[in-house]
């Protein structure tokens, strides 16, 4: 970079650099638990979560509750608010704890 020039962009490598992401097994475990709350197949839901990564990052599926509802709809169910609340209750700290990671 030339002296006196301001950078026009900064690129961050977020996962496993700034934010521990855990292993696929840990992330799938959280997806399986969410699926049970939503009343859908855990393996299929974990796959849907993985396949929707880009859309979820871009926010095109809506907020967390909307995203969970839309993903559950793919499996023929329309979960009630209580089921969505339960599935959404998994926090970052629980993900870290499940993976044996520290914050």
C-alpha atoms as a PDB file:
ATOM      1  CA  UNK A   1       0.000   0.000   0.000  1.00  0.00           C
ATOM      2  CA  UNK A   2       1.337   3.407  -0.912  1.00  0.00           C
ATOM      3  CA  UNK A   3       2.066   5.936   1.808  1.00  0.00           C
ATOM      4  CA  UNK A   4      -0.820   8.327   2.377  1.00  0.00           C
ATOM      5  CA  UNK A   5      -3.437   6.035   0.807  1.00  0.00           C
ATOM      6  CA  UNK A   6      -6.341   4.776   2.842  1.00  0.00           C
ATOM      7  CA  UNK A   7      -7.422   1.185   2.289  1.00  0.00           C
ATOM      8  CA  UNK A   8     -10.648   0.825   0.334  1.00  0.00           C
ATOM      9  CA  UNK A   9     -11.497  -2.553   1.825  1.00  0.00           C
ATOM     10  CA  UNK A  10     -10.587  -4.823   4.684  1.00  0.00           C
ATOM     11  CA  UNK A  11     -11.059  -8.575   4.398  1.00  0.00           C
ATOM     12  CA  UNK A  12     -11.610 -10.678   7.493  1.00  0.00           C
ATOM     13  CA  UNK A  13     -11.386 -14.450   7.693  1.00  0.00           C
ATOM     14  CA  UNK A  14     -14.214 -14.815  10.185  1.00  0.00           C
ATOM     15  CA  UNK A  15     -14.714 -18.505  10.969  1.00  0.00           C
ATOM     16  CA  UNK A  16     -12.056 -20.264  13.003  1.00  0.00           C
ATOM     17  CA  UNK A  17     -10.062 -17.040  13.015  1.00  0.00           C
ATOM     18  CA  UNK A  18     -12.168 -14.363  14.701  1.00  0.00           C
ATOM     19  CA  UNK A  19     -15.054 -16.670  15.641  1.00  0.00           C
ATOM     20  CA  UNK A  20     -14.516 -20.315  16.552  1.00  0.00           C
ATOM     21  CA  UNK A  21     -16.891 -22.296  14.357  1.00  0.00           C
ATOM     22  CA  UNK A  22     -16.501 -25.720  15.874  1.00  0.00           C
ATOM     23  CA  UNK A  23     -16.386 -28.929  13.933  1.00  0.00           C
ATOM     24  CA  UNK A  24     -19.042 -30.071  11.487  1.00  0.00           C
ATOM     25  CA  UNK A  25     -20.092 -32.693  14.031  1.00  0.00           C
ATOM     26  CA  UNK A  26     -20.700 -30.002  16.656  1.00  0.00           C
ATOM     27  CA  UNK A  27     -22.628 -27.778  14.238  1.00  0.00           C
ATOM     28  CA  UNK A  28     -24.684 -30.775  13.064  1.00  0.00           C
ATOM     29  CA  UNK A  29     -25.405 -31.634  16.692  1.00  0.00           C
ATOM     30  CA  UNK A  30     -26.924 -28.193  17.208  1.00  0.00           C
ATOM     31  CA  UNK A  31     -28.896 -28.565  13.953  1.00  0.00           C
ATOM     32  CA  UNK A  32     -30.165 -31.987  15.115  1.00  0.00           C
ATOM     33  CA  UNK A  33     -31.389 -30.513  18.406  1.00  0.00           C
ATOM     34  CA  UNK A  34     -33.110 -27.665  16.553  1.00  0.00           C
ATOM     35  CA  UNK A  35     -34.726 -30.174  14.193  1.00  0.00           C
ATOM     36  CA  UNK A  36     -36.154 -32.165  17.109  1.00  0.00           C
ATOM     37  CA  UNK A  37     -37.731 -28.949  18.459  1.00  0.00           C
ATOM     38  CA  UNK A  38     -39.178 -28.227  15.013  1.00  0.00           C
ATOM     39  CA  UNK A  39     -40.454 -31.780  14.499  1.00  0.00           C
ATOM     40  CA  UNK A  40     -38.407 -32.507  11.377  1.00  0.00           C
ATOM     41  CA  UNK A  41     -35.830 -35.132  10.426  1.00  0.00           C
ATOM     42  CA  UNK A  42     -32.537 -34.195  12.150  1.00  0.00           C
ATOM     43  CA  UNK A  43     -30.181 -35.378   9.383  1.00  0.00           C
ATOM     44  CA  UNK A  44     -32.202 -33.738   6.623  1.00  0.00           C
ATOM     45  CA  UNK A  45     -32.433 -30.511   8.622  1.00  0.00           C
ATOM     46  CA  UNK A  46     -28.678 -30.470   9.251  1.00  0.00           C
ATOM     47  CA  UNK A  47     -28.165 -30.832   5.507  1.00  0.00           C
ATOM     48  CA  UNK A  48     -30.630 -27.988   4.850  1.00  0.00           C
ATOM     49  CA  UNK A  49     -28.730 -25.804   7.326  1.00  0.00           C
ATOM     50  CA  UNK A  50     -25.446 -26.561   5.553  1.00  0.00           C
ATOM     51  CA  UNK A  51     -26.974 -25.993   2.110  1.00  0.00           C
ATOM     52  CA  UNK A  52     -28.503 -22.663   3.151  1.00  0.00           C
ATOM     53  CA  UNK A  53     -25.259 -21.171   4.496  1.00  0.00           C
ATOM     54  CA  UNK A  54     -24.959 -18.504   1.793  1.00  0.00           C
ATOM     55  CA  UNK A  55     -28.627 -17.488   2.014  1.00  0.00           C
ATOM     56  CA  UNK A  56     -28.462 -17.334   5.816  1.00  0.00           C
ATOM     57  CA  UNK A  57     -25.312 -15.210   5.722  1.00  0.00           C
ATOM     58  CA  UNK A  58     -26.935 -12.831   3.264  1.00  0.00           C
ATOM     59  CA  UNK A  59     -30.119 -12.665   5.343  1.00  0.00           C
ATOM     60  CA  UNK A  60     -32.333 -13.672   2.441  1.00  0.00           C
ATOM     61  CA  UNK A  61     -34.243 -16.143   4.612  1.00  0.00           C
ATOM     62  CA  UNK A  62     -35.122 -13.460   7.160  1.00  0.00           C
ATOM     63  CA  UNK A  63     -34.331 -13.333  10.847  1.00  0.00           C
ATOM     64  CA  UNK A  64     -33.599 -16.472  12.869  1.00  0.00           C
ATOM     65  CA  UNK A  65     -37.247 -17.401  13.470  1.00  0.00           C
ATOM     66  CA  UNK A  66     -38.166 -16.798   9.826  1.00  0.00           C
ATOM     67  CA  UNK A  67     -35.182 -18.846   8.678  1.00  0.00           C
ATOM     68  CA  UNK A  68     -36.090 -21.769  10.923  1.00  0.00           C
ATOM     69  CA  UNK A  69     -39.716 -21.597   9.762  1.00  0.00           C
ATOM     70  CA  UNK A  70     -38.738 -21.542   6.078  1.00  0.00           C
ATOM     71  CA  UNK A  71     -36.330 -24.432   6.486  1.00  0.00           C
ATOM     72  CA  UNK A  72     -38.923 -26.468   8.419  1.00  0.00           C
ATOM     73  CA  UNK A  73     -41.472 -25.756   5.672  1.00  0.00           C
ATOM     74  CA  UNK A  74     -39.204 -27.628   3.266  1.00  0.00           C
ATOM     75  CA  UNK A  75     -40.063 -30.759   5.255  1.00  0.00           C
ATOM     76  CA  UNK A  76     -43.810 -30.217   5.189  1.00  0.00           C
ATOM     77  CA  UNK A  77     -44.280 -28.667   8.604  1.00  0.00           C
ATOM     78  CA  UNK A  78     -45.211 -25.213   9.818  1.00  0.00           C
ATOM     79  CA  UNK A  79     -43.911 -25.060  13.379  1.00  0.00           C
ATOM     80  CA  UNK A  80     -45.727 -23.102  16.063  1.00  0.00           C
ATOM     81  CA  UNK A  81     -44.056 -20.114  17.699  1.00  0.00           C
ATOM     82  CA  UNK A  82     -43.137 -22.147  20.803  1.00  0.00           C
ATOM     83  CA  UNK A  83     -41.253 -24.688  18.667  1.00  0.00           C
ATOM     84  CA  UNK A  84     -39.449 -21.871  16.845  1.00  0.00           C
ATOM     85  CA  UNK A  85     -38.545 -20.254  20.177  1.00  0.00           C
ATOM     86  CA  UNK A  86     -37.178 -23.559  21.484  1.00  0.00           C
ATOM     87  CA  UNK A  87     -35.133 -24.170  18.320  1.00  0.00           C
ATOM     88  CA  UNK A  88     -33.830 -20.599  18.361  1.00  0.00           C
ATOM     89  CA  UNK A  89     -32.786 -20.840  22.008  1.00  0.00           C
ATOM     90  CA  UNK A  90     -29.471 -22.472  21.180  1.00  0.00           C
ATOM     91  CA  UNK A  91     -26.915 -19.806  21.911  1.00  0.00           C
ATOM     92  CA  UNK A  92     -23.384 -19.270  20.755  1.00  0.00           C
ATOM     93  CA  UNK A  93     -22.115 -20.248  24.202  1.00  0.00           C
ATOM     94  CA  UNK A  94     -23.968 -23.597  23.966  1.00  0.00           C
ATOM     95  CA  UNK A  95     -22.348 -24.214  20.585  1.00  0.00           C
ATOM     96  CA  UNK A  96     -18.958 -23.442  22.087  1.00  0.00           C
ATOM     97  CA  UNK A  97     -19.618 -25.658  25.091  1.00  0.00           C
ATOM     98  CA  UNK A  98     -20.823 -28.534  22.907  1.00  0.00           C
ATOM     99  CA  UNK A  99     -17.615 -28.333  20.928  1.00  0.00           C
ATOM    100  CA  UNK A 100     -15.376 -28.052  23.948  1.00  0.00           C
ATOM    101  CA  UNK A 101     -14.235 -24.642  22.753  1.00  0.00           C
ATOM    102  CA  UNK A 102     -13.637 -21.599  24.886  1.00  0.00           C
ATOM    103  CA  UNK A 103     -14.805 -18.091  24.151  1.00  0.00           C
END
